[in-house]
Amino acid sequence: MTSTTIKIDVELKGRLNALKVHPRESYNEVIERLVDMAIDEEPLSEETIRQIERSLEDLRAGRVYTLEEVMAELKEE
């Protein structure tokens, strides 16, 4: 494995230390885990994005139900 040296702030190094699963975990392993978490292997479809946008419009327009209203509706069925 080839390696390189990078400069990071002391504060960031402390944050990386706090993210270690175990004390002997390398910074390489911590960073690799963070990068893997940041990459979405299944991005949202265009249809899902449109549905989310419609839902946000409903929220802004006040077209929402409380939990109590939903529970009451379900009891009637």
N, C-alpha and C. Protein backbone atom coordinates (compact mmCIF):
# COMPACT_ATOMS: atom_id res chain seq x y z
N MET A 1 0.84 -1.18 0.00
CA MET A 1 0.00 0.00 0.00
C MET A 1 0.89 1.24 0.00
N THR A 2 0.56 2.18 -0.87
CA THR A 2 1.26 3.45 -0.93
C THR A 2 0.58 4.40 0.02
N SER A 3 1.36 5.26 0.66
CA SER A 3 0.77 6.21 1.59
C SER A 3 1.27 7.61 1.28
N THR A 4 0.57 8.57 1.87
CA THR A 4 0.93 9.97 1.71
C THR A 4 0.74 10.67 3.05
N THR A 5 1.32 11.82 3.17
CA THR A 5 1.19 12.61 4.40
C THR A 5 0.29 13.80 4.11
N ILE A 6 -0.64 14.07 5.01
CA ILE A 6 -1.49 15.25 4.88
C ILE A 6 -1.42 16.04 6.17
N LYS A 7 -1.68 17.34 6.07
CA LYS A 7 -1.72 18.19 7.25
C LYS A 7 -3.17 18.41 7.65
N ILE A 8 -3.46 18.23 8.93
CA ILE A 8 -4.80 18.50 9.45
C ILE A 8 -4.64 19.30 10.74
N ASP A 9 -5.67 20.07 11.07
CA ASP A 9 -5.66 20.84 12.31
C ASP A 9 -5.67 19.89 13.51
N VAL A 10 -5.13 20.36 14.60
CA VAL A 10 -5.11 19.58 15.83
C VAL A 10 -6.54 19.25 16.27
N GLU A 11 -7.45 20.20 16.10
CA GLU A 11 -8.85 19.98 16.48
C GLU A 11 -9.46 18.84 15.66
N LEU A 12 -9.19 18.82 14.35
CA LEU A 12 -9.71 17.75 13.50
C LEU A 12 -9.10 16.41 13.89
N LYS A 13 -7.84 16.39 14.23
CA LYS A 13 -7.20 15.15 14.68
C LYS A 13 -7.90 14.64 15.93
N GLY A 14 -8.26 15.53 16.82
CA GLY A 14 -8.99 15.14 18.02
C GLY A 14 -10.35 14.56 17.69
N ARG A 15 -11.01 15.15 16.71
CA ARG A 15 -12.32 14.64 16.28
C ARG A 15 -12.19 13.27 15.65
N LEU A 16 -11.13 13.07 14.86
CA LEU A 16 -10.88 11.75 14.27
C LEU A 16 -10.60 10.72 15.37
N ASN A 17 -9.84 11.13 16.37
CA ASN A 17 -9.57 10.23 17.50
C ASN A 17 -10.88 9.81 18.17
N ALA A 18 -11.79 10.74 18.33
CA ALA A 18 -13.06 10.45 18.99
C ALA A 18 -13.92 9.49 18.17
N LEU A 19 -13.68 9.43 16.87
CA LEU A 19 -14.46 8.55 15.99
C LEU A 19 -13.88 7.14 15.87
N LYS A 20 -12.74 6.91 16.48
CA LYS A 20 -12.13 5.58 16.41
C LYS A 20 -13.01 4.55 17.11
N VAL A 21 -13.17 3.40 16.44
CA VAL A 21 -13.95 2.30 17.01
C VAL A 21 -13.17 1.66 18.15
N HIS A 22 -11.87 1.59 18.01
CA HIS A 22 -10.98 1.09 19.06
C HIS A 22 -9.69 1.91 19.02
N PRO A 23 -8.98 1.99 20.12
CA PRO A 23 -7.81 2.88 20.20
C PRO A 23 -6.73 2.64 19.15
N ARG A 24 -6.61 1.41 18.68
CA ARG A 24 -5.55 1.11 17.71
C ARG A 24 -6.01 1.24 16.27
N GLU A 25 -7.26 1.68 16.07
CA GLU A 25 -7.74 1.88 14.70
C GLU A 25 -6.94 3.02 14.06
N SER A 26 -6.51 2.81 12.82
CA SER A 26 -5.70 3.84 12.15
C SER A 26 -6.59 4.97 11.64
N TYR A 27 -5.95 6.12 11.40
CA TYR A 27 -6.70 7.24 10.82
C TYR A 27 -7.19 6.85 9.43
N ASN A 28 -6.41 6.07 8.71
CA ASN A 28 -6.82 5.60 7.39
C ASN A 28 -8.14 4.84 7.48
N GLU A 29 -8.27 3.96 8.47
CA GLU A 29 -9.49 3.19 8.65
C GLU A 29 -10.67 4.10 9.02
N VAL A 30 -10.41 5.08 9.88
CA VAL A 30 -11.47 6.01 10.28
C VAL A 30 -11.96 6.80 9.07
N ILE A 31 -11.03 7.35 8.30
CA ILE A 31 -11.39 8.15 7.13
C ILE A 31 -12.09 7.30 6.08
N GLU A 32 -11.60 6.08 5.88
CA GLU A 32 -12.24 5.19 4.91
C GLU A 32 -13.68 4.89 5.32
N ARG A 33 -13.91 4.65 6.60
CA ARG A 33 -15.26 4.38 7.09
C ARG A 33 -16.16 5.60 6.87
N LEU A 34 -15.64 6.81 7.14
CA LEU A 34 -16.42 8.03 6.94
C LEU A 34 -16.75 8.25 5.48
N VAL A 35 -15.79 8.00 4.60
CA VAL A 35 -16.03 8.16 3.17
C VAL A 35 -17.07 7.17 2.70
N ASP A 36 -16.99 5.92 3.16
CA ASP A 36 -17.98 4.91 2.79
C ASP A 36 -19.37 5.33 3.23
N MET A 37 -19.49 5.95 4.40
CA MET A 37 -20.78 6.40 4.91
C MET A 37 -21.32 7.56 4.07
N ALA A 38 -20.44 8.38 3.52
CA ALA A 38 -20.86 9.57 2.80
C ALA A 38 -21.33 9.27 1.39
N ILE A 39 -20.95 8.13 0.85
CA ILE A 39 -21.32 7.78 -0.52
C ILE A 39 -22.60 6.96 -0.49
N ASP A 40 -23.61 7.46 -1.17
CA ASP A 40 -24.91 6.78 -1.23
C ASP A 40 -24.90 5.84 -2.43
N GLU A 41 -24.92 4.55 -2.15
CA GLU A 41 -24.89 3.56 -3.22
C GLU A 41 -26.21 3.50 -3.99
N GLU A 42 -27.29 3.96 -3.38
CA GLU A 42 -28.59 3.94 -4.03
C GLU A 42 -29.21 5.34 -3.96
N PRO A 43 -28.78 6.23 -4.85
CA PRO A 43 -29.33 7.60 -4.82
C PRO A 43 -30.84 7.60 -5.08
N LEU A 44 -31.49 8.66 -4.65
CA LEU A 44 -32.94 8.78 -4.82
C LEU A 44 -33.30 8.88 -6.30
N SER A 45 -34.39 8.22 -6.67
CA SER A 45 -34.88 8.30 -8.05
C SER A 45 -35.55 9.66 -8.26
N GLU A 46 -35.74 10.02 -9.52
CA GLU A 46 -36.42 11.28 -9.84
C GLU A 46 -37.85 11.26 -9.28
N GLU A 47 -38.52 10.11 -9.36
CA GLU A 47 -39.88 10.00 -8.85
C GLU A 47 -39.91 10.22 -7.34
N THR A 48 -38.96 9.64 -6.63
CA THR A 48 -38.90 9.81 -5.17
C THR A 48 -38.66 11.28 -4.82
N ILE A 49 -37.79 11.94 -5.56
CA ILE A 49 -37.52 13.36 -5.33
C ILE A 49 -38.80 14.18 -5.55
N ARG A 50 -39.56 13.86 -6.62
CA ARG A 50 -40.83 14.57 -6.88
C ARG A 50 -41.81 14.34 -5.73
N GLN A 51 -41.88 13.12 -5.22
CA GLN A 51 -42.79 12.82 -4.11
C GLN A 51 -42.40 13.59 -2.85
N ILE A 52 -41.11 13.71 -2.59
CA ILE A 52 -40.63 14.47 -1.44
C ILE A 52 -41.00 15.94 -1.61
N GLU A 53 -40.81 16.47 -2.83
CA GLU A 53 -41.16 17.87 -3.08
C GLU A 53 -42.65 18.12 -2.88
N ARG A 54 -43.50 17.18 -3.32
CA ARG A 54 -44.95 17.31 -3.11
C ARG A 54 -45.27 17.29 -1.62
N SER A 55 -44.60 16.42 -0.89
CA SER A 55 -44.82 16.34 0.56
C SER A 55 -44.43 17.64 1.24
N LEU A 56 -43.32 18.24 0.82
CA LEU A 56 -42.90 19.51 1.39
C LEU A 56 -43.91 20.61 1.09
N GLU A 57 -44.48 20.58 -0.12
CA GLU A 57 -45.52 21.55 -0.47
C GLU A 57 -46.74 21.37 0.45
N ASP A 58 -47.12 20.12 0.71
CA ASP A 58 -48.23 19.84 1.63
C ASP A 58 -47.94 20.40 3.01
N LEU A 59 -46.73 20.20 3.48
CA LEU A 59 -46.35 20.72 4.81
C LEU A 59 -46.47 22.24 4.85
N ARG A 60 -45.92 22.89 3.83
CA ARG A 60 -45.97 24.36 3.79
C ARG A 60 -47.40 24.88 3.74
N ALA A 61 -48.28 24.14 3.06
CA ALA A 61 -49.67 24.55 2.91
C ALA A 61 -50.53 24.15 4.10
N GLY A 62 -49.94 23.44 5.04
CA GLY A 62 -50.68 23.04 6.23
C GLY A 62 -51.56 21.81 6.03
N ARG A 63 -51.33 21.10 4.94
CA ARG A 63 -52.11 19.87 4.69
C ARG A 63 -51.44 18.71 5.42
N VAL A 64 -51.65 18.69 6.74
CA VAL A 64 -51.03 17.67 7.58
C VAL A 64 -52.06 17.13 8.57
N TYR A 65 -51.78 15.99 9.14
CA TYR A 65 -52.63 15.38 10.15
C TYR A 65 -51.82 15.12 11.40
N THR A 66 -52.43 15.31 12.54
CA THR A 66 -51.75 14.98 13.80
C THR A 66 -51.79 13.48 14.00
N LEU A 67 -50.96 12.97 14.87
CA LEU A 67 -50.96 11.56 15.19
C LEU A 67 -52.33 11.13 15.73
N GLU A 68 -52.92 11.99 16.54
CA GLU A 68 -54.23 11.68 17.10
C GLU A 68 -55.28 11.53 16.00
N GLU A 69 -55.25 12.41 15.00
CA GLU A 69 -56.20 12.32 13.89
C GLU A 69 -56.02 11.03 13.10
N VAL A 70 -54.78 10.66 12.85
CA VAL A 70 -54.51 9.43 12.11
C VAL A 70 -54.97 8.22 12.92
N MET A 71 -54.66 8.20 14.22
CA MET A 71 -55.07 7.07 15.06
C MET A 71 -56.59 6.96 15.11
N ALA A 72 -57.30 8.08 15.19
CA ALA A 72 -58.76 8.06 15.21
C ALA A 72 -59.30 7.52 13.90
N GLU A 73 -58.70 7.91 12.79
CA GLU A 73 -59.12 7.42 11.47
C GLU A 73 -58.90 5.91 11.36
N LEU A 74 -57.79 5.44 11.87
CA LEU A 74 -57.50 4.00 11.80
C LEU A 74 -58.46 3.19 12.67
N LYS A 75 -58.88 3.74 13.78
CA LYS A 75 -59.82 3.03 14.65
C LYS A 75 -61.18 2.88 13.99
N GLU A 76 -61.54 3.85 13.15
CA GLU A 76 -62.84 3.81 12.47
C GLU A 76 -62.88 2.72 11.40
N GLU A 77 -61.74 2.30 10.91
CA GLU A 77 -61.70 1.30 9.82
C GLU A 77 -61.87 -0.09 10.34
